[in-house]
Amino acid sequence: MSSSRSEYDTVPKSGALKLKKLDHTIKKKKKKKEEKRILDAPNNKNGQGDVQTEQDIEDAIEAKIRERNPLMNKTKAELRFIKQQEKIKEKWIIEKASKTHKNRVEDFNKHLDNLTEHFDIPKVSWTK
């Protein structure tokens, strides 16, 4: 019996099985602070270089803001289109919220009654 016990001595004793679905130890990646890194960068140039680096910093910050806010890169027509889509969606939501289930069923039944006979299931038989 002692020989069988020694076979299991090398097995690690880590406790319960670790399943993928139950593993809740997923760590989120930290976001890098690009703006702080750019602002904290040492200036290697003289007086004129400082002005240029400040402009570079402002351009970099503005580029980051554009990436975060996609509406800044849109044209006037695209912005109008987005606003119109939002209005239509809002109107549709209000319309859907105003009807009860019973009203929707009644409207659907009226719609089915108004359809032509073409959409009905044809009667299939060998004799008339």
Protein backbone atom coordinates (compact mmCIF):
# COMPACT_ATOMS: atom_id res chain seq x y z
CA MET A 1 0.00 0.00 0.00
CA SER A 2 2.82 2.38 0.68
CA SER A 3 3.99 2.06 -2.92
CA SER A 4 0.62 3.27 -4.27
CA ARG A 5 0.67 6.21 -1.90
CA SER A 6 4.09 7.36 -3.11
CA GLU A 7 2.77 7.58 -6.68
CA TYR A 8 0.36 10.32 -5.64
CA ASP A 9 2.86 12.29 -3.59
CA THR A 10 4.11 14.15 -6.68
CA VAL A 11 0.64 15.40 -7.67
CA PRO A 12 0.17 19.09 -6.80
CA LYS A 13 -2.52 19.75 -4.23
CA SER A 14 -3.98 23.03 -5.45
CA GLY A 15 -7.54 22.53 -4.31
CA ALA A 16 -10.63 22.68 -6.52
CA LEU A 17 -10.56 22.45 -10.28
CA LYS A 18 -10.32 25.75 -12.08
CA LEU A 19 -12.87 25.91 -14.87
CA LYS A 20 -12.80 28.58 -17.55
CA LYS A 21 -16.41 29.64 -17.12
CA LEU A 22 -16.12 29.96 -13.37
CA ASP A 23 -12.81 31.81 -13.37
CA HIS A 24 -13.74 35.35 -12.33
CA THR A 25 -10.19 36.60 -11.96
CA ILE A 26 -10.07 38.41 -15.30
CA LYS A 27 -8.07 41.58 -14.87
CA LYS A 28 -8.91 44.66 -16.87
CA LYS A 29 -6.14 46.47 -18.66
CA LYS A 30 -5.38 49.91 -17.35
CA LYS A 31 -5.81 52.77 -19.77
CA LYS A 32 -2.68 54.70 -20.55
CA LYS A 33 -2.73 58.41 -19.99
CA GLU A 34 -1.38 59.68 -23.30
CA GLU A 35 -2.05 63.31 -22.50
CA LYS A 36 -0.08 63.18 -19.27
CA ARG A 37 2.78 61.37 -20.97
CA ILE A 38 2.93 64.02 -23.70
CA LEU A 39 2.77 66.87 -21.20
CA ASP A 40 5.39 65.28 -18.94
CA ALA A 41 7.85 64.68 -21.78
CA PRO A 42 11.05 66.72 -21.31
CA ASN A 43 11.77 69.48 -23.82
CA ASN A 44 15.07 68.78 -25.59
CA LYS A 45 15.00 71.89 -27.77
CA ASN A 46 15.67 75.57 -27.11
CA GLY A 47 13.23 78.53 -27.17
CA GLN A 48 11.77 77.93 -30.64
CA GLY A 49 11.48 74.24 -29.93
CA ASP A 50 9.32 74.95 -26.89
CA VAL A 51 6.71 76.71 -29.04
CA GLN A 52 6.74 73.89 -31.55
CA THR A 53 6.45 71.21 -28.88
CA GLU A 54 3.54 73.07 -27.28
CA GLN A 55 1.79 73.06 -30.65
CA ASP A 56 2.59 69.38 -31.03
CA ILE A 57 1.13 68.75 -27.59
CA GLU A 58 -2.03 70.68 -28.46
CA ASP A 59 -2.35 68.80 -31.76
CA ALA A 60 -1.89 65.47 -30.00
CA ILE A 61 -4.50 66.33 -27.38
CA GLU A 62 -6.92 67.51 -30.08
CA ALA A 63 -6.37 64.27 -32.01
CA LYS A 64 -7.14 62.24 -28.88
CA ILE A 65 -10.32 64.25 -28.31
CA ARG A 66 -11.40 63.59 -31.92
CA GLU A 67 -10.82 59.88 -31.43
CA ARG A 68 -12.98 59.89 -28.31
CA ASN A 69 -15.76 62.01 -29.84
CA PRO A 70 -16.58 60.66 -33.31
CA LEU A 71 -19.11 63.45 -33.99
CA MET A 72 -16.30 66.01 -34.33
CA ASN A 73 -15.12 64.35 -37.55
CA LYS A 74 -18.57 64.37 -39.19
CA THR A 75 -19.70 66.78 -41.88
CA LYS A 76 -22.77 68.98 -41.48
CA ALA A 77 -24.83 66.65 -43.65
CA GLU A 78 -23.78 63.62 -41.61
CA LEU A 79 -24.70 65.41 -38.37
CA ARG A 80 -28.12 66.34 -39.79
CA PHE A 81 -28.62 62.73 -40.85
CA ILE A 82 -27.74 61.46 -37.37
CA LYS A 83 -30.12 63.97 -35.74
CA GLN A 84 -32.91 62.98 -38.13
CA GLN A 85 -32.32 59.29 -37.39
CA GLU A 86 -32.54 60.01 -33.65
CA LYS A 87 -35.84 61.91 -34.14
CA ILE A 88 -37.30 59.04 -36.16
CA LYS A 89 -36.18 56.51 -33.56
CA GLU A 90 -37.64 58.62 -30.75
CA LYS A 91 -40.96 58.96 -32.61
CA TRP A 92 -41.04 55.19 -33.21
CA ILE A 93 -40.39 54.48 -29.51
CA ILE A 94 -43.17 56.84 -28.42
CA GLU A 95 -45.56 55.22 -30.90
CA LYS A 96 -44.68 51.72 -29.68
CA ALA A 97 -45.00 52.73 -26.04
CA SER A 98 -48.42 54.32 -26.54
CA LYS A 99 -50.14 51.10 -27.70
CA THR A 100 -51.05 48.25 -25.43
CA HIS A 101 -50.63 44.63 -26.45
CA LYS A 102 -54.38 44.33 -27.01
CA ASN A 103 -54.35 47.32 -29.41
CA ARG A 104 -51.42 45.87 -31.33
CA VAL A 105 -53.20 42.52 -31.73
CA GLU A 106 -56.37 44.27 -32.95
CA ASP A 107 -54.40 46.32 -35.49
CA PHE A 108 -52.62 43.20 -36.71
CA ASN A 109 -55.92 41.35 -37.13
CA LYS A 110 -57.36 44.29 -39.10
CA HIS A 111 -54.29 44.24 -41.32
CA LEU A 112 -54.72 40.51 -41.95
CA ASP A 113 -58.42 41.01 -42.77
CA ASN A 114 -57.54 43.67 -45.35
CA LEU A 115 -55.13 41.41 -47.23
CA THR A 116 -56.34 39.96 -50.51
CA GLU A 117 -57.33 36.34 -50.97
CA HIS A 118 -54.06 35.80 -52.79
CA PHE A 119 -52.30 35.42 -49.45
CA ASP A 120 -54.70 32.78 -48.12
CA ILE A 121 -53.74 29.11 -48.13
CA PRO A 122 -55.32 27.58 -51.24
CA LYS A 123 -57.77 24.75 -50.90
CA VAL A 124 -56.21 21.61 -52.30
CA SER A 125 -58.45 18.76 -53.40
CA TRP A 126 -58.90 16.41 -56.34
CA THR A 127 -62.59 17.11 -56.64
CA LYS A 128 -64.41 20.38 -56.40
